[in-house]
N, C-alpha and C. Protein backbone atom coordinates (compact mmCIF):
# COMPACT_ATOMS: atom_id res chain seq x y z
N UNK A 1 1.04 3.02 -22.74
CA UNK A 1 2.01 3.37 -21.81
C UNK A 1 3.06 4.33 -22.36
N UNK A 2 3.31 5.48 -21.82
CA UNK A 2 4.41 6.30 -22.28
C UNK A 2 5.75 5.90 -21.72
N UNK A 3 6.68 5.83 -22.71
CA UNK A 3 8.03 5.38 -22.29
C UNK A 3 8.92 6.27 -22.71
N UNK A 4 10.17 6.22 -22.17
CA UNK A 4 11.35 7.05 -22.61
C UNK A 4 12.59 6.26 -22.44
N UNK A 5 13.60 6.58 -22.99
CA UNK A 5 14.85 5.88 -23.08
C UNK A 5 15.77 6.58 -21.94
N UNK A 6 16.37 5.81 -21.25
CA UNK A 6 17.42 6.37 -20.23
C UNK A 6 18.73 6.44 -20.93
N UNK A 7 19.81 6.97 -20.32
CA UNK A 7 21.14 7.06 -20.85
C UNK A 7 21.72 5.79 -21.21
N UNK A 8 21.33 4.73 -20.66
CA UNK A 8 21.88 3.39 -20.96
C UNK A 8 21.26 2.67 -22.07
N UNK A 9 20.32 3.37 -22.61
CA UNK A 9 19.58 2.76 -23.77
C UNK A 9 18.42 1.82 -23.26
N UNK A 10 18.02 1.81 -22.10
CA UNK A 10 16.93 1.07 -21.53
C UNK A 10 15.60 1.95 -21.59
N UNK A 11 14.56 1.28 -21.81
CA UNK A 11 13.26 1.90 -21.77
C UNK A 11 12.88 2.11 -20.29
N UNK A 12 12.57 3.43 -20.00
CA UNK A 12 12.09 3.90 -18.75
C UNK A 12 10.72 4.37 -18.78
N UNK A 13 9.96 4.30 -17.67
CA UNK A 13 8.68 4.94 -17.77
C UNK A 13 8.66 6.32 -17.66
N UNK A 14 7.78 6.96 -18.36
CA UNK A 14 7.79 8.56 -18.27
C UNK A 14 7.23 8.95 -16.95
N UNK A 15 7.47 10.18 -16.65
CA UNK A 15 6.89 10.90 -15.42
C UNK A 15 5.39 10.84 -15.49
N UNK A 16 4.85 11.05 -16.60
CA UNK A 16 3.30 11.04 -16.80
C UNK A 16 2.68 9.63 -16.47
N UNK A 17 3.39 8.61 -16.80
CA UNK A 17 2.99 7.23 -16.64
C UNK A 17 3.14 6.92 -15.14
N UNK A 18 4.25 7.38 -14.61
CA UNK A 18 4.52 7.06 -13.18
C UNK A 18 3.31 7.82 -12.32
N UNK A 19 3.18 9.05 -12.54
CA UNK A 19 2.03 9.73 -11.87
C UNK A 19 0.58 9.01 -12.12
N UNK A 20 0.41 8.57 -13.36
CA UNK A 20 -0.88 7.79 -13.60
C UNK A 20 -1.01 6.62 -12.69
N UNK A 21 0.08 5.77 -12.59
CA UNK A 21 0.09 4.61 -11.83
C UNK A 21 -0.04 4.86 -10.41
N UNK A 22 0.65 5.92 -9.88
CA UNK A 22 0.58 6.36 -8.50
C UNK A 22 -0.94 6.75 -8.14
N UNK A 23 -1.50 7.50 -9.03
CA UNK A 23 -2.89 7.95 -8.73
C UNK A 23 -3.86 6.80 -8.83
N UNK A 24 -3.69 5.92 -9.68
CA UNK A 24 -4.47 4.68 -9.89
C UNK A 24 -4.65 3.92 -8.48
N UNK A 25 -3.25 3.66 -8.06
CA UNK A 25 -3.19 2.86 -6.83
C UNK A 25 -3.83 3.55 -5.62
N UNK A 26 -3.58 4.96 -5.42
CA UNK A 26 -4.15 5.60 -4.27
C UNK A 26 -5.69 5.55 -4.41
N UNK A 27 -6.24 5.79 -5.65
CA UNK A 27 -7.63 5.82 -5.71
C UNK A 27 -8.25 4.50 -5.53
N UNK A 28 -7.68 3.33 -5.96
CA UNK A 28 -8.17 2.03 -5.78
C UNK A 28 -8.15 1.59 -4.41
N UNK A 29 -6.98 1.85 -3.77
CA UNK A 29 -6.81 1.37 -2.33
C UNK A 29 -7.82 2.17 -1.48
N UNK A 30 -7.95 3.51 -1.63
CA UNK A 30 -8.87 4.33 -0.91
C UNK A 30 -10.31 3.87 -1.12
N UNK A 31 -10.59 3.59 -2.40
CA UNK A 31 -12.01 3.11 -2.73
C UNK A 31 -12.33 1.81 -2.05
N UNK A 32 -11.41 0.79 -1.99
CA UNK A 32 -11.66 -0.38 -1.21
C UNK A 32 -11.79 -0.20 0.22
N UNK A 33 -11.00 0.72 0.80
CA UNK A 33 -11.05 0.95 2.26
C UNK A 33 -12.25 1.65 2.55
N UNK A 34 -12.71 2.50 1.95
CA UNK A 34 -13.96 3.30 2.05
C UNK A 34 -15.19 2.28 1.93
N UNK A 35 -15.12 1.42 0.96
CA UNK A 35 -16.28 0.48 0.75
C UNK A 35 -16.45 -0.38 1.93
N UNK A 36 -15.37 -0.73 2.56
CA UNK A 36 -15.32 -1.68 3.71
C UNK A 36 -15.35 -0.88 5.05
N UNK A 37 -15.72 0.35 5.03
CA UNK A 37 -15.97 1.06 6.32
C UNK A 37 -14.62 1.48 7.07
N UNK A 38 -13.58 1.42 6.39
CA UNK A 38 -12.23 1.72 7.20
C UNK A 38 -12.01 3.12 7.10
N UNK A 39 -11.38 3.71 8.21
CA UNK A 39 -11.23 5.10 8.35
C UNK A 39 -9.93 5.60 7.74
N UNK A 40 -8.91 4.71 7.53
CA UNK A 40 -7.58 5.03 7.01
C UNK A 40 -7.66 5.40 5.58
N UNK A 41 -6.98 6.40 5.09
CA UNK A 41 -6.85 6.69 3.72
C UNK A 41 -5.35 6.79 3.33
N UNK A 42 -4.95 6.24 2.13
CA UNK A 42 -3.63 6.38 1.64
C UNK A 42 -3.37 7.74 1.03
N UNK A 43 -2.31 8.36 1.38
CA UNK A 43 -2.06 9.68 0.83
C UNK A 43 -1.26 9.63 -0.56
N UNK A 44 -0.24 8.68 -0.51
CA UNK A 44 0.54 8.73 -1.72
C UNK A 44 1.31 7.31 -1.87
N UNK A 45 1.82 7.25 -3.03
CA UNK A 45 2.75 5.96 -3.38
C UNK A 45 3.97 6.62 -3.69
N UNK A 46 5.09 5.94 -3.06
CA UNK A 46 6.45 6.46 -3.26
C UNK A 46 7.09 5.83 -4.53
N UNK A 47 7.97 6.43 -5.16
CA UNK A 47 8.59 5.97 -6.34
C UNK A 47 10.15 6.10 -6.16
N UNK A 48 10.82 4.94 -6.42
CA UNK A 48 12.31 4.98 -6.37
C UNK A 48 12.75 4.70 -7.80
N UNK A 49 13.40 5.74 -8.38
CA UNK A 49 13.99 5.41 -9.83
C UNK A 49 15.28 4.87 -9.63
N UNK A 50 15.36 3.60 -10.25
CA UNK A 50 16.60 2.79 -10.24
C UNK A 50 17.22 2.86 -11.68
N UNK A 51 18.34 2.47 -11.82
CA UNK A 51 19.12 2.50 -13.12
C UNK A 51 18.38 1.76 -14.26
N UNK A 52 17.73 0.57 -13.94
CA UNK A 52 17.22 -0.18 -14.93
C UNK A 52 15.63 -0.47 -14.55
N UNK A 53 15.10 0.16 -13.71
CA UNK A 53 13.78 -0.04 -13.41
C UNK A 53 13.11 1.10 -12.45
N UNK A 54 11.76 1.16 -12.23
CA UNK A 54 11.12 2.10 -11.34
C UNK A 54 10.48 1.19 -10.28
N UNK A 55 10.66 1.49 -8.99
CA UNK A 55 9.98 0.76 -7.93
C UNK A 55 8.89 1.67 -7.32
N UNK A 56 7.74 1.03 -7.20
CA UNK A 56 6.62 1.80 -6.57
C UNK A 56 6.39 1.12 -5.19
N UNK A 57 6.27 1.91 -4.16
CA UNK A 57 6.07 1.47 -2.73
C UNK A 57 4.91 2.20 -2.04
N UNK A 58 4.14 1.53 -1.26
CA UNK A 58 3.08 2.13 -0.52
C UNK A 58 2.70 1.24 0.71
N UNK A 59 1.84 1.79 1.53
CA UNK A 59 1.32 1.03 2.56
C UNK A 59 0.00 1.57 2.98
N UNK A 60 -0.86 0.82 3.74
CA UNK A 60 -2.15 1.26 4.16
C UNK A 60 -2.35 0.32 5.42
N UNK A 61 -3.43 0.83 6.14
CA UNK A 61 -3.84 0.11 7.41
C UNK A 61 -5.30 -0.24 7.30
N UNK A 62 -5.41 -1.51 7.88
CA UNK A 62 -6.86 -1.96 8.13
C UNK A 62 -7.14 -2.10 9.68
N UNK A 63 -8.09 -1.24 10.23
CA UNK A 63 -8.31 -1.36 11.48
C UNK A 63 -9.25 -2.35 11.96
N UNK A 64 -10.21 -2.64 11.18
CA UNK A 64 -11.21 -3.72 11.65
C UNK A 64 -10.66 -5.07 11.12
N UNK A 65 -10.14 -5.89 11.96
CA UNK A 65 -9.55 -7.19 11.45
C UNK A 65 -10.55 -8.04 10.74
N UNK A 66 -11.81 -7.90 11.06
CA UNK A 66 -12.77 -8.74 10.29
C UNK A 66 -12.80 -8.26 8.75
N UNK A 67 -12.38 -7.11 8.44
CA UNK A 67 -12.25 -6.64 7.10
C UNK A 67 -11.05 -7.08 6.40
N UNK A 68 -10.13 -7.33 7.08
CA UNK A 68 -8.78 -7.60 6.46
C UNK A 68 -8.70 -8.42 5.24
N UNK A 69 -9.32 -9.63 5.41
CA UNK A 69 -9.22 -10.58 4.24
C UNK A 69 -9.93 -9.96 2.90
N UNK A 70 -11.07 -9.40 3.07
CA UNK A 70 -11.84 -8.86 1.99
C UNK A 70 -11.01 -7.65 1.42
N UNK A 71 -10.44 -6.83 2.30
CA UNK A 71 -9.68 -5.70 1.76
C UNK A 71 -8.57 -6.06 1.06
N UNK A 72 -7.79 -6.88 1.71
CA UNK A 72 -6.36 -7.38 1.17
C UNK A 72 -6.69 -8.16 -0.03
N UNK A 73 -7.57 -9.00 -0.17
CA UNK A 73 -7.79 -9.77 -1.41
C UNK A 73 -8.14 -8.87 -2.58
N UNK A 74 -9.02 -7.85 -2.32
CA UNK A 74 -9.28 -6.95 -3.50
C UNK A 74 -8.06 -6.07 -3.98
N UNK A 75 -7.46 -5.63 -2.99
CA UNK A 75 -6.27 -4.63 -3.24
C UNK A 75 -5.18 -5.49 -3.82
N UNK A 76 -4.87 -6.65 -3.36
CA UNK A 76 -3.73 -7.40 -3.88
C UNK A 76 -4.09 -7.90 -5.32
N UNK A 77 -5.35 -8.21 -5.50
CA UNK A 77 -5.71 -8.54 -7.01
C UNK A 77 -5.43 -7.36 -7.89
N UNK A 78 -5.86 -6.21 -7.41
CA UNK A 78 -5.51 -5.04 -8.26
C UNK A 78 -4.05 -4.77 -8.52
N UNK A 79 -3.30 -4.97 -7.38
CA UNK A 79 -1.81 -4.53 -7.61
C UNK A 79 -1.15 -5.61 -8.45
N UNK A 80 -1.62 -6.86 -8.48
CA UNK A 80 -1.03 -7.91 -9.26
C UNK A 80 -1.10 -7.61 -10.76
N UNK A 81 -1.95 -6.72 -11.14
CA UNK A 81 -1.93 -6.41 -12.66
C UNK A 81 -0.60 -5.69 -12.99
N UNK A 82 0.14 -5.23 -12.13
CA UNK A 82 1.43 -4.55 -12.51
C UNK A 82 2.63 -5.61 -12.46
N UNK A 83 2.29 -6.77 -12.11
CA UNK A 83 3.31 -7.87 -12.25
C UNK A 83 3.61 -8.42 -10.87
N UNK A 84 4.87 -8.80 -10.66
CA UNK A 84 5.16 -9.42 -9.37
C UNK A 84 5.29 -8.33 -8.24
N UNK A 85 4.34 -8.49 -7.29
CA UNK A 85 4.17 -7.61 -6.15
C UNK A 85 4.57 -8.17 -4.92
N UNK A 86 5.46 -7.60 -4.11
CA UNK A 86 5.83 -8.06 -2.78
C UNK A 86 4.94 -7.38 -1.84
N UNK A 87 4.15 -8.25 -1.08
CA UNK A 87 3.24 -7.74 -0.09
C UNK A 87 3.52 -8.27 1.24
N UNK A 88 3.55 -7.50 2.21
CA UNK A 88 3.84 -7.91 3.75
C UNK A 88 2.81 -7.22 4.55
N UNK A 89 2.27 -8.07 5.44
CA UNK A 89 1.37 -7.38 6.46
C UNK A 89 1.95 -7.76 7.95
N UNK A 90 1.41 -6.87 8.85
CA UNK A 90 1.87 -7.12 10.23
C UNK A 90 0.76 -6.60 11.11
N UNK A 91 0.46 -7.35 12.10
CA UNK A 91 -0.63 -6.96 13.12
C UNK A 91 0.15 -5.97 14.08
N UNK A 92 -0.49 -4.93 14.39
CA UNK A 92 0.02 -3.87 15.23
C UNK A 92 -0.90 -3.64 16.43
N UNK A 93 -0.19 -3.53 17.64
CA UNK A 93 -1.09 -3.07 18.78
C UNK A 93 -0.18 -1.97 19.31
N UNK A 94 -0.77 -0.70 19.16
CA UNK A 94 0.05 0.50 19.52
C UNK A 94 -0.93 1.39 20.49
N UNK A 95 -0.59 1.67 21.67
CA UNK A 95 -1.27 2.47 22.51
C UNK A 95 -2.75 2.14 22.64
N UNK A 96 -3.02 0.87 22.73
CA UNK A 96 -4.34 0.27 22.75
C UNK A 96 -5.05 0.14 21.42
N UNK A 97 -4.49 0.68 20.31
CA UNK A 97 -5.11 0.59 19.10
C UNK A 97 -4.57 -0.72 18.41
N UNK A 98 -5.47 -1.37 17.74
CA UNK A 98 -5.08 -2.64 17.05
C UNK A 98 -5.41 -2.28 15.50
N UNK A 99 -4.46 -2.79 14.72
CA UNK A 99 -4.68 -2.62 13.20
C UNK A 99 -3.67 -3.48 12.52
N UNK A 100 -3.91 -3.70 11.29
CA UNK A 100 -3.03 -4.50 10.40
C UNK A 100 -2.37 -3.60 9.35
N UNK A 101 -1.13 -3.56 9.39
CA UNK A 101 -0.50 -2.54 8.44
C UNK A 101 -0.10 -3.42 7.26
N UNK A 102 -0.24 -2.98 6.08
CA UNK A 102 0.22 -3.74 4.84
C UNK A 102 0.93 -2.80 4.03
N UNK A 103 2.29 -3.36 3.63
CA UNK A 103 3.14 -2.60 2.73
C UNK A 103 3.28 -3.47 1.54
N UNK A 104 3.39 -2.75 0.45
CA UNK A 104 3.69 -3.42 -0.92
C UNK A 104 4.69 -2.63 -1.71
N UNK A 105 5.19 -3.43 -2.76
CA UNK A 105 6.26 -2.74 -3.72
C UNK A 105 6.18 -3.68 -4.89
N UNK A 106 6.56 -3.04 -6.05
CA UNK A 106 6.66 -3.72 -7.27
C UNK A 106 7.59 -2.87 -8.18
N UNK A 107 8.24 -3.49 -8.98
CA UNK A 107 9.12 -2.81 -10.03
C UNK A 107 8.66 -2.92 -11.54
N UNK A 108 8.81 -1.93 -12.14
CA UNK A 108 8.51 -1.93 -13.59
C UNK A 108 9.67 -1.74 -14.41
């Protein structure tokens, strides 16, 4: 892991490492969605640089509710390699479409 020091003397994650983590997450989430026949694809993971940490945030959708458990179990297992992950899901019914939206975030 590439690290750098911030002005307070704390270790921060380098831009290269942030990009690597963001790309890993997008690739893994999209791979799991594709494997399960889901049409949604994640575009990006957002990053919030805080004084003492870096927060990664993203979301994805599962349209076939029969796939939800398998998809979320595999993605959540992958995300937990980064530590304590906050994961929230919500069933949505919008203009006749039904899907489950899942948001996640974690700090390094």
